[in-house]
């Protein structure tokens, strides 16, 4: 059996490159499923901003499925890494087997709920902004719901495959499905004229490919090889696995709550706007904010990929009590995350018009472009803080600090994310929805800063190399 002992000896920078880069690519490719759909939908003249708005309505509902999948997968990834660091391979195998069963069961249940309650769910997420948006949302949501079991299984297995020491396969399996989606989208939307159904079917076919590759890998795992008995639910193992993954779940599910609040505030205060209160323009704010969120999702995919890719490294070294290596990794990760945030901030502040052109601005009115420029510049103006905050959530989770990680994530997404989304529009109208994001990230960063300092102290403090004066070096 191969082992992961190199996680405790290999150079930190090299390990970050090996694990984080494939994870970033995997998450970026996963994010591209919905983003690519929206790009092709936006550039199809017969769908336009109505289709864009429908995509925005359905997007949070796919995030719910993702939240459950990453809770299982990330929790298993952290549990396996900690167990291998403690030389407890039998517990690692049980966690993998239990996670497979849980992901399949949860996906089937969620699929059934979506199909049975589709109209109510779409209305909850702002799909009733006008009749055309509701019709497109319902069509897109139906086919996306059919693919939920494949989507969730593939997403849950991705971090488990990384924990097994094969981040490259995790990346390739996701890349294969997304590539197929990119190929099929223009065929179904522009050639066959299948509209929202075409975009959804292309996505589901890609998800099926990723799921099938994950099934193949499950029978060819190299470090953690679950046996038949490991697929029998062990409540103790399952509970600990889910606890370690609860932060990932809450960070995603609370994002859904924030999206629901934002979509409904857009619908409410957009109706009071002198321009967007008109029927023909009512869908524009929802379509635009959805696009801005998609760009943010690309940035966060990089940020989360960097941090989540380090979970096996952190878990193994914490289990082996190599705290100096963990501290070094934390420092490098925070610096890299801040750099990503700064780069993304420059893009949204300097080139918002170019970004919105990708999403069909040429087919829309000037109101569409003008509101998009404002949304990019205001909504994402605190990207640096947002990136550091997200890295802090995941790193604490990888260290086994599920409570701190969960509380910080909950405060950001529920208390601040939902709270400010509901409060600020009361004073600033539609613009208040845009202000809610940066204000939430500022307040969260204050709390995250305290936790970062505390984590450094627990890992041995912040140490800097001090060069001795020459007279001391000479022994004078």
Protein backbone atom coordinates (compact mmCIF):
# COMPACT_ATOMS: atom_id res chain seq x y z
CA UNK A 1 0.00 0.00 0.00
CA UNK A 2 1.28 3.47 -0.88
CA UNK A 3 1.44 6.01 1.95
CA UNK A 4 1.25 9.79 2.24
CA UNK A 5 4.38 10.19 4.41
CA UNK A 6 5.88 12.65 1.91
CA UNK A 7 3.25 15.16 3.14
CA UNK A 8 5.35 15.48 6.30
CA UNK A 9 8.73 15.79 4.58
CA UNK A 10 8.35 17.39 1.13
CA UNK A 11 8.98 21.14 0.72
CA UNK A 12 5.81 23.15 1.52
CA UNK A 13 5.90 25.19 -1.68
CA UNK A 14 6.18 22.08 -3.81
CA UNK A 15 3.30 20.39 -1.96
CA UNK A 16 1.10 23.47 -2.43
CA UNK A 17 1.80 23.41 -6.14
CA UNK A 18 1.09 19.69 -6.42
CA UNK A 19 -2.20 19.75 -4.50
CA UNK A 20 -3.55 23.28 -4.91
CA UNK A 21 -3.15 23.73 -8.68
CA UNK A 22 -5.21 20.64 -9.66
CA UNK A 23 -7.80 21.57 -7.03
CA UNK A 24 -8.05 25.12 -8.42
CA UNK A 25 -8.50 23.78 -11.93
CA UNK A 26 -11.11 21.27 -10.73
CA UNK A 27 -13.16 23.97 -9.01
CA UNK A 28 -12.77 26.42 -11.88
CA UNK A 29 -13.93 23.78 -14.31
CA UNK A 30 -16.84 22.94 -12.00
CA UNK A 31 -17.78 26.62 -11.87
CA UNK A 32 -17.63 26.78 -15.65
CA UNK A 33 -20.67 24.48 -15.94
CA UNK A 34 -23.05 27.25 -14.89
CA UNK A 35 -20.95 30.13 -16.21
CA UNK A 36 -20.62 28.64 -19.70
CA UNK A 37 -24.37 28.03 -19.75
CA UNK A 38 -24.95 31.68 -18.92
CA UNK A 39 -22.50 32.95 -21.55
CA UNK A 40 -24.16 30.96 -24.33
CA UNK A 41 -27.65 31.78 -23.06
CA UNK A 42 -26.82 35.49 -22.91
CA UNK A 43 -25.52 35.49 -26.48
CA UNK A 44 -28.56 33.69 -27.87
CA UNK A 45 -30.82 36.53 -29.04
CA UNK A 46 -33.97 34.46 -28.50
CA UNK A 47 -33.11 33.98 -24.79
CA UNK A 48 -31.17 37.11 -23.79
CA UNK A 49 -31.58 38.70 -20.37
CA UNK A 50 -34.69 36.60 -19.63
CA UNK A 51 -32.59 33.45 -19.94
CA UNK A 52 -29.83 35.14 -17.94
CA UNK A 53 -32.25 35.94 -15.14
CA UNK A 54 -33.57 32.35 -15.19
CA UNK A 55 -30.03 31.05 -14.87
CA UNK A 56 -29.51 33.34 -11.88
CA UNK A 57 -32.69 31.99 -10.25
CA UNK A 58 -31.63 28.34 -10.65
CA UNK A 59 -27.97 28.85 -9.73
CA UNK A 60 -28.53 28.89 -5.92
CA UNK A 61 -30.44 25.62 -6.23
CA UNK A 62 -27.41 23.91 -7.73
CA UNK A 63 -25.35 25.38 -4.89
CA UNK A 64 -27.61 23.56 -2.39
CA UNK A 65 -26.66 20.28 -4.06
CA UNK A 66 -23.01 21.33 -4.05
CA UNK A 67 -23.21 22.26 -0.35
CA UNK A 68 -24.31 18.75 0.62
CA UNK A 69 -21.75 17.14 -1.69
CA UNK A 70 -18.79 19.16 -0.38
CA UNK A 71 -19.84 18.60 3.21
CA UNK A 72 -19.49 14.89 2.61
CA UNK A 73 -16.44 15.11 0.34
CA UNK A 74 -14.41 17.77 2.20
CA UNK A 75 -15.28 16.19 5.55
CA UNK A 76 -14.06 12.83 4.29
CA UNK A 77 -10.93 14.45 2.82
CA UNK A 78 -10.05 16.06 6.18
CA UNK A 79 -10.91 12.88 8.15
CA UNK A 80 -8.83 10.66 5.85
CA UNK A 81 -5.83 13.02 6.00
CA UNK A 82 -5.96 13.25 9.80
CA UNK A 83 -6.36 9.46 10.08
CA UNK A 84 -3.44 8.74 7.78
CA UNK A 85 -1.29 11.18 9.78
CA UNK A 86 -2.14 9.11 12.89
CA UNK A 87 -1.53 5.82 11.00
CA UNK A 88 -5.22 4.82 11.33
CA UNK A 89 -5.84 3.51 7.81
CA UNK A 90 -8.88 1.41 8.82
CA UNK A 91 -10.79 4.53 9.93
CA UNK A 92 -9.81 6.28 6.71
CA UNK A 93 -11.29 3.42 4.66
CA UNK A 94 -14.54 3.47 6.62
CA UNK A 95 -14.88 7.21 6.10
CA UNK A 96 -14.57 6.80 2.32
CA UNK A 97 -17.12 3.96 2.21
CA UNK A 98 -19.59 5.83 4.39
CA UNK A 99 -19.18 9.01 2.34
CA UNK A 100 -20.00 7.20 -0.90
CA UNK A 101 -23.24 5.84 0.56
CA UNK A 102 -24.23 9.18 2.07
CA UNK A 103 -23.65 11.10 -1.17
CA UNK A 104 -25.81 8.70 -3.19
CA UNK A 105 -28.66 8.70 -0.65
CA UNK A 106 -28.70 12.49 -0.22
CA UNK A 107 -28.61 13.13 -3.97
CA UNK A 108 -31.65 10.94 -4.66
CA UNK A 109 -33.64 12.63 -1.89
CA UNK A 110 -32.75 16.14 -3.10
CA UNK A 111 -33.61 15.26 -6.70
CA UNK A 112 -37.07 14.07 -5.61
CA UNK A 113 -37.69 17.24 -3.56
CA UNK A 114 -36.71 19.47 -6.49
CA UNK A 115 -38.98 17.66 -8.94
CA UNK A 116 -41.97 17.65 -6.59
CA UNK A 117 -41.72 21.27 -5.39
CA UNK A 118 -40.22 23.02 -8.42
CA UNK A 119 -42.76 25.86 -8.73
CA UNK A 120 -42.57 26.83 -5.06
CA UNK A 121 -38.78 26.65 -5.01
CA UNK A 122 -38.40 28.82 -8.12
CA UNK A 123 -40.74 31.42 -6.60
CA UNK A 124 -38.69 31.45 -3.37
CA UNK A 125 -35.59 32.46 -5.33
CA UNK A 126 -37.16 35.35 -7.23
CA UNK A 127 -38.25 33.53 -10.38
CA UNK A 128 -41.59 35.36 -10.50
CA UNK A 129 -40.03 38.71 -11.44
CA UNK A 130 -41.96 38.38 -14.72
CA UNK A 131 -43.74 35.65 -16.68
CA UNK A 132 -41.00 34.99 -19.23
CA UNK A 133 -38.31 34.58 -16.55
CA UNK A 134 -40.52 32.12 -14.65
CA UNK A 135 -41.10 30.02 -17.78
CA UNK A 136 -37.41 29.82 -18.60
CA UNK A 137 -36.51 29.08 -14.96
CA UNK A 138 -38.94 26.17 -14.80
CA UNK A 139 -37.65 24.64 -18.03
CA UNK A 140 -33.97 24.92 -16.99
CA UNK A 141 -34.59 23.72 -13.45
CA UNK A 142 -36.41 20.54 -14.50
CA UNK A 143 -33.50 19.13 -16.50
CA UNK A 144 -30.86 20.33 -14.01
CA UNK A 145 -32.79 18.48 -11.27
CA UNK A 146 -32.55 15.22 -13.22
CA UNK A 147 -28.77 15.49 -13.15
CA UNK A 148 -28.49 16.18 -9.40
CA UNK A 149 -27.46 12.59 -8.41
CA UNK A 150 -24.60 12.58 -10.94
CA UNK A 151 -23.52 16.11 -10.01
CA UNK A 152 -23.44 15.45 -6.28
CA UNK A 153 -21.61 12.13 -6.56
CA UNK A 154 -18.90 13.65 -8.77
CA UNK A 155 -18.45 16.67 -6.49
CA UNK A 156 -18.33 14.53 -3.33
CA UNK A 157 -15.74 12.17 -4.81
CA UNK A 158 -13.46 14.97 -6.01
CA UNK A 159 -11.91 15.85 -2.60
CA UNK A 160 -11.87 12.15 -1.65
CA UNK A 161 -9.75 11.42 -4.72
CA UNK A 162 -7.40 14.26 -3.68
CA UNK A 163 -7.13 12.80 -0.19
CA UNK A 164 -6.12 9.50 -1.77
CA UNK A 165 -3.10 11.32 -3.20
CA UNK A 166 -4.29 11.78 -6.79
CA UNK A 167 -5.27 15.44 -7.29
CA UNK A 168 -4.46 15.13 -11.00
CA UNK A 169 -7.18 12.54 -11.62
CA UNK A 170 -9.65 14.67 -9.63
CA UNK A 171 -8.85 17.53 -11.97
CA UNK A 172 -9.05 15.45 -15.17
CA UNK A 173 -12.42 13.90 -14.26
CA UNK A 174 -13.99 17.31 -13.72
CA UNK A 175 -12.26 18.76 -16.78
CA UNK A 176 -13.62 16.00 -19.02
CA UNK A 177 -17.23 16.70 -18.04
CA UNK A 178 -16.88 20.47 -18.37
CA UNK A 179 -15.16 20.21 -21.75
CA UNK A 180 -18.05 18.12 -23.04
CA UNK A 181 -20.50 20.72 -21.69
CA UNK A 182 -18.65 23.50 -23.54
CA UNK A 183 -18.81 21.50 -26.77
CA UNK A 184 -22.49 20.60 -26.46
CA UNK A 185 -23.81 24.00 -25.29
CA UNK A 186 -23.49 25.84 -28.63
CA UNK A 187 -24.74 22.78 -30.52
CA UNK A 188 -27.90 22.46 -28.42
CA UNK A 189 -28.56 26.21 -28.02
CA UNK A 190 -27.64 27.65 -31.44
CA UNK A 191 -27.88 24.69 -33.83
CA UNK A 192 -30.79 22.70 -32.39
CA UNK A 193 -32.47 25.79 -30.84
CA UNK A 194 -33.30 23.84 -27.66
CA UNK A 195 -33.02 26.98 -25.52
CA UNK A 196 -32.84 26.52 -21.75
CA UNK A 197 -33.41 22.78 -22.12
CA UNK A 198 -30.34 22.55 -24.35
CA UNK A 199 -28.12 24.36 -21.85
CA UNK A 200 -29.33 22.10 -19.03
CA UNK A 201 -29.01 18.84 -20.98
CA UNK A 202 -25.43 19.72 -22.02
CA UNK A 203 -24.60 20.32 -18.36
CA UNK A 204 -26.13 17.04 -17.19
CA UNK A 205 -24.29 15.01 -19.83
CA UNK A 206 -21.00 16.51 -18.63
CA UNK A 207 -21.89 15.70 -15.02
CA UNK A 208 -22.61 12.08 -15.94
CA UNK A 209 -19.14 11.73 -17.47
CA UNK A 210 -17.48 13.12 -14.32
CA UNK A 211 -19.53 10.78 -12.11
CA UNK A 212 -18.61 7.72 -14.21
CA UNK A 213 -14.90 8.55 -13.97
CA UNK A 214 -15.28 8.91 -10.19
CA UNK A 215 -16.90 5.46 -10.01
CA UNK A 216 -13.98 4.01 -11.96
CA UNK A 217 -11.46 5.59 -9.59
CA UNK A 218 -13.33 4.30 -6.55
CA UNK A 219 -12.39 0.78 -7.61
CA UNK A 220 -8.77 1.76 -8.27
CA UNK A 221 -7.85 3.80 -5.18
CA UNK A 222 -4.17 3.54 -4.30
CA UNK A 223 -3.76 4.72 -0.68
CA UNK A 224 -7.21 4.22 0.85
CA UNK A 225 -8.87 1.08 -0.52
CA UNK A 226 -12.33 0.60 1.06
CA UNK A 227 -13.57 -2.96 1.47
CA UNK A 228 -17.17 -4.16 1.22
CA UNK A 229 -17.71 -3.82 4.98
CA UNK A 230 -16.58 -0.17 4.87
CA UNK A 231 -19.74 0.77 2.94
CA UNK A 232 -21.87 -0.18 5.93
CA UNK A 233 -22.79 3.04 7.77
CA UNK A 234 -20.79 3.52 10.98
CA UNK A 235 -22.58 6.31 12.86
CA UNK A 236 -19.45 7.35 14.76
CA UNK A 237 -17.32 7.65 11.62
CA UNK A 238 -20.13 9.28 9.61
CA UNK A 239 -20.78 11.84 12.35
CA UNK A 240 -17.11 12.84 12.64
CA UNK A 241 -16.77 13.03 8.87
CA UNK A 242 -19.80 15.31 8.54
CA UNK A 243 -18.67 17.50 11.44
CA UNK A 244 -15.36 18.13 9.68
CA UNK A 245 -17.27 19.00 6.51
CA UNK A 246 -19.96 21.13 8.12
CA UNK A 247 -18.00 24.34 7.46
CA UNK A 248 -17.94 23.59 3.74
CA UNK A 249 -21.67 22.92 3.88
CA UNK A 250 -22.51 26.08 5.79
CA UNK A 251 -20.28 28.28 3.64
CA UNK A 252 -22.22 27.08 0.59
CA UNK A 253 -25.73 26.82 2.06
CA UNK A 254 -25.45 30.19 3.76
CA UNK A 255 -24.44 31.59 0.39
CA UNK A 256 -27.77 30.23 -0.88
CA UNK A 257 -29.57 32.09 1.90
CA UNK A 258 -27.74 35.28 0.93
CA UNK A 259 -28.64 34.74 -2.75
CA UNK A 260 -32.29 34.19 -1.87
CA UNK A 261 -32.32 37.41 0.16
CA UNK A 262 -30.53 39.32 -2.61
CA UNK A 263 -32.82 38.00 -5.38
CA UNK A 264 -35.93 38.90 -3.43
CA UNK A 265 -34.60 42.35 -2.55
CA UNK A 266 -33.80 42.90 -6.23
CA UNK A 267 -37.34 41.93 -7.14
CA UNK A 268 -38.84 44.15 -4.43
CA UNK A 269 -36.74 47.29 -4.85
CA UNK A 270 -36.28 46.85 -8.59
CA UNK A 271 -40.06 47.25 -8.90
CA UNK A 272 -39.72 50.68 -7.26
CA UNK A 273 -36.92 51.81 -9.60
CA UNK A 274 -37.93 54.34 -12.30
CA UNK A 275 -36.40 52.18 -15.07
CA UNK A 276 -36.36 48.62 -13.75
CA UNK A 277 -39.90 48.98 -12.48
CA UNK A 278 -41.03 48.67 -16.10
CA UNK A 279 -42.02 45.19 -17.30
CA UNK A 280 -39.56 45.06 -20.21
CA UNK A 281 -36.57 45.92 -17.99
CA UNK A 282 -37.60 44.13 -14.75
CA UNK A 283 -35.29 41.15 -15.30
CA UNK A 284 -32.12 43.23 -15.86
CA UNK A 285 -30.98 43.73 -12.21
CA UNK A 286 -31.38 40.02 -11.45
CA UNK A 287 -29.56 39.00 -14.63
CA UNK A 288 -26.71 41.46 -13.95
CA UNK A 289 -26.21 40.55 -10.29
CA UNK A 290 -26.17 36.91 -11.35
CA UNK A 291 -23.37 37.67 -13.80
CA UNK A 292 -21.37 39.56 -11.16
CA UNK A 293 -21.79 36.58 -8.83
CA UNK A 294 -20.47 34.30 -11.58
CA UNK A 295 -17.28 36.36 -11.85
CA UNK A 296 -17.01 36.26 -8.08
CA UNK A 297 -17.46 32.50 -8.27
CA UNK A 298 -14.46 32.26 -10.61
CA UNK A 299 -12.31 34.20 -8.12
CA UNK A 300 -13.59 32.18 -5.17
CA UNK A 301 -12.96 28.94 -7.07
CA UNK A 302 -9.28 29.92 -7.22
CA UNK A 303 -9.26 30.94 -3.56
CA UNK A 304 -11.09 27.85 -2.31
CA UNK A 305 -9.01 25.65 -4.61
CA UNK A 306 -5.79 26.95 -3.10
CA UNK A 307 -7.06 26.44 0.44
CA UNK A 308 -8.95 23.16 -0.10
CA UNK A 309 -5.99 21.73 -2.01
CA UNK A 310 -3.96 22.21 1.16
CA UNK A 311 -6.41 20.24 3.34
CA UNK A 312 -4.55 16.90 2.98
CA UNK A 313 -1.24 18.65 3.74
CA UNK A 314 -2.60 20.45 6.81
CA UNK A 315 -4.47 17.39 8.07
CA UNK A 316 -1.48 15.06 7.77
CA UNK A 317 0.95 17.49 9.43
CA UNK A 318 -1.48 18.30 12.25
CA UNK A 319 -2.04 14.59 12.83
CA UNK A 320 1.75 14.08 12.90
CA UNK A 321 2.15 17.16 15.20
CA UNK A 322 4.42 19.00 12.71
CA UNK A 323 3.09 22.45 13.64
CA UNK A 324 6.00 24.44 12.19
CA UNK A 325 5.16 23.12 8.75
CA UNK A 326 1.50 24.00 9.26
CA UNK A 327 2.45 27.55 10.26
CA UNK A 328 4.66 27.95 7.19
CA UNK A 329 1.83 26.72 4.97
CA UNK A 330 -0.66 29.15 6.59
CA UNK A 331 1.63 32.11 5.91
CA UNK A 332 2.17 31.21 2.27
CA UNK A 333 -1.54 30.54 1.76
CA UNK A 334 -2.70 33.89 3.19
CA UNK A 335 -0.18 35.79 1.05
CA UNK A 336 -1.25 33.95 -2.10
CA UNK A 337 -4.97 34.49 -1.40
CA UNK A 338 -4.47 38.23 -0.88
CA UNK A 339 -2.58 38.42 -4.20
CA UNK A 340 -5.46 36.69 -6.02
CA UNK A 341 -7.95 39.12 -4.48
CA UNK A 342 -5.87 42.15 -5.48
CA UNK A 343 -5.52 40.94 -9.07
CA UNK A 344 -9.27 40.29 -9.37
CA UNK A 345 -10.04 43.70 -7.84
CA UNK A 346 -7.97 45.46 -10.49
CA UNK A 347 -9.87 43.61 -13.24
CA UNK A 348 -13.37 44.48 -11.98
CA UNK A 349 -12.52 48.12 -11.27
CA UNK A 350 -10.69 48.77 -14.55
CA UNK A 351 -12.49 46.56 -17.07
CA UNK A 352 -16.17 46.14 -16.07
CA UNK A 353 -17.47 46.99 -19.56
CA UNK A 354 -15.29 44.36 -21.16
CA UNK A 355 -16.52 41.77 -18.66
CA UNK A 356 -20.19 42.48 -19.31
CA UNK A 357 -19.63 42.26 -23.07
CA UNK A 358 -18.89 38.54 -22.61
CA UNK A 359 -22.43 38.11 -21.27
CA UNK A 360 -24.39 39.46 -24.23
CA UNK A 361 -24.39 43.21 -23.53
CA UNK A 362 -24.44 43.87 -27.29
CA UNK A 363 -27.98 42.45 -27.45
CA UNK A 364 -29.29 44.55 -24.54
CA UNK A 365 -30.19 48.15 -23.74
CA UNK A 366 -27.77 50.71 -22.27
CA UNK A 367 -29.50 50.24 -18.90
CA UNK A 368 -28.11 46.69 -18.83
CA UNK A 369 -24.49 47.82 -19.34
CA UNK A 370 -24.67 50.83 -17.03
CA UNK A 371 -26.11 48.84 -14.14
CA UNK A 372 -23.54 46.08 -14.73
CA UNK A 373 -20.62 48.53 -14.51
CA UNK A 374 -21.95 49.89 -11.22
CA UNK A 375 -22.59 46.36 -9.88
CA UNK A 376 -19.07 45.11 -10.66
CA UNK A 377 -17.38 48.13 -9.09
CA UNK A 378 -19.46 48.28 -5.90
CA UNK A 379 -20.37 44.64 -5.20
CA UNK A 380 -16.79 43.37 -5.55
CA UNK A 381 -14.79 46.31 -4.16
CA UNK A 382 -13.63 44.33 -1.09
CA UNK A 383 -12.40 41.26 -2.94
CA UNK A 384 -9.09 41.14 -1.07
CA UNK A 385 -10.87 40.80 2.27
CA UNK A 386 -13.29 38.24 0.80
CA UNK A 387 -10.41 36.05 -0.39
CA UNK A 388 -8.52 36.14 2.93
CA UNK A 389 -11.75 35.43 4.85
CA UNK A 390 -12.50 32.34 2.75
CA UNK A 391 -8.95 31.01 3.16
CA UNK A 392 -9.26 31.41 6.93
CA UNK A 393 -12.54 29.40 7.01
CA UNK A 394 -11.04 26.44 5.15
CA UNK A 395 -7.66 26.40 6.89
CA UNK A 396 -9.30 26.25 10.32
CA UNK A 397 -11.47 23.39 9.05
CA UNK A 398 -8.39 21.50 7.81
CA UNK A 399 -6.77 21.89 11.25
CA UNK A 400 -9.77 20.12 12.79
CA UNK A 401 -11.16 23.39 14.26
CA UNK A 402 -14.67 22.75 12.98
CA UNK A 403 -16.39 25.00 15.55
CA UNK A 404 -14.35 28.15 14.85
CA UNK A 405 -14.52 27.58 11.12
CA UNK A 406 -18.27 27.00 11.18
CA UNK A 407 -19.03 30.01 13.38
CA UNK A 408 -16.96 32.36 11.23
CA UNK A 409 -18.60 31.08 8.07
CA UNK A 410 -22.07 31.43 9.61
CA UNK A 411 -21.39 34.98 10.77
CA UNK A 412 -20.20 35.99 7.29
CA UNK A 413 -22.97 34.46 5.24
CA UNK A 414 -26.01 34.49 7.54
CA UNK A 415 -25.56 37.31 10.06
CA UNK A 416 -23.78 39.74 7.72
CA UNK A 417 -24.59 38.37 4.23
CA UNK A 418 -28.33 37.99 4.74
CA UNK A 419 -28.65 40.72 7.37
CA UNK A 420 -27.09 43.51 5.31
CA UNK A 421 -28.84 42.31 2.13
CA UNK A 422 -32.15 42.84 3.91
CA UNK A 423 -31.20 46.01 5.80
CA UNK A 424 -29.26 48.21 3.41
CA UNK A 425 -31.88 48.32 0.61
CA UNK A 426 -34.28 49.89 3.12
CA UNK A 427 -32.00 52.96 3.17
CA UNK A 428 -30.32 52.85 -0.26
CA UNK A 429 -32.90 51.09 -2.44
CA UNK A 430 -31.57 48.85 -5.20
CA UNK A 431 -28.00 50.11 -4.60
CA UNK A 432 -28.24 48.78 -1.05
CA UNK A 433 -28.15 45.23 -2.48
CA UNK A 434 -24.78 46.04 -4.03
CA UNK A 435 -23.38 47.55 -0.82
CA UNK A 436 -24.26 44.43 1.20
CA UNK A 437 -21.32 42.39 -0.12
CA UNK A 438 -18.39 44.75 0.69
CA UNK A 439 -19.85 45.74 4.07
CA UNK A 440 -20.18 42.06 5.03
CA UNK A 441 -16.57 41.34 4.03
CA UNK A 442 -15.19 44.28 6.05
CA UNK A 443 -16.92 43.17 9.25
CA UNK A 444 -15.93 39.53 8.69
CA UNK A 445 -12.28 40.45 8.14
CA UNK A 446 -12.11 42.06 11.57
CA UNK A 447 -13.17 38.76 13.17
CA UNK A 448 -10.99 36.67 10.83
CA UNK A 449 -7.97 38.78 11.77
CA UNK A 450 -8.41 37.86 15.43
CA UNK A 451 -8.65 34.15 14.58
CA UNK A 452 -5.61 34.33 12.31
CA UNK A 453 -3.50 35.83 15.11
CA UNK A 454 -4.77 33.21 17.56
CA UNK A 455 -3.94 30.42 15.12
CA UNK A 456 -0.38 31.69 14.73
CA UNK A 457 0.08 31.70 18.50
CA UNK A 458 -1.22 28.12 18.73
CA UNK A 459 1.18 27.02 16.00
CA UNK A 460 4.18 28.57 17.75
CA UNK A 461 3.87 32.27 17.06
CA UNK A 462 5.09 34.43 14.21
CA UNK A 463 8.84 34.12 13.88
CA UNK A 464 11.12 36.21 11.70
CA UNK A 465 14.80 35.45 11.01
CA UNK A 466 16.96 38.00 12.87
CA UNK A 467 20.40 38.64 11.45
CA UNK A 468 23.08 39.13 14.09
CA UNK A 469 25.21 42.28 14.01
CA UNK A 470 28.67 41.75 12.52
CA UNK A 471 30.48 42.28 15.80
CA UNK A 472 28.49 39.39 17.35
CA UNK A 473 29.13 37.17 14.33
CA UNK A 474 32.86 37.78 14.81
CA UNK A 475 32.61 36.97 18.49
CA UNK A 476 33.67 40.46 19.59
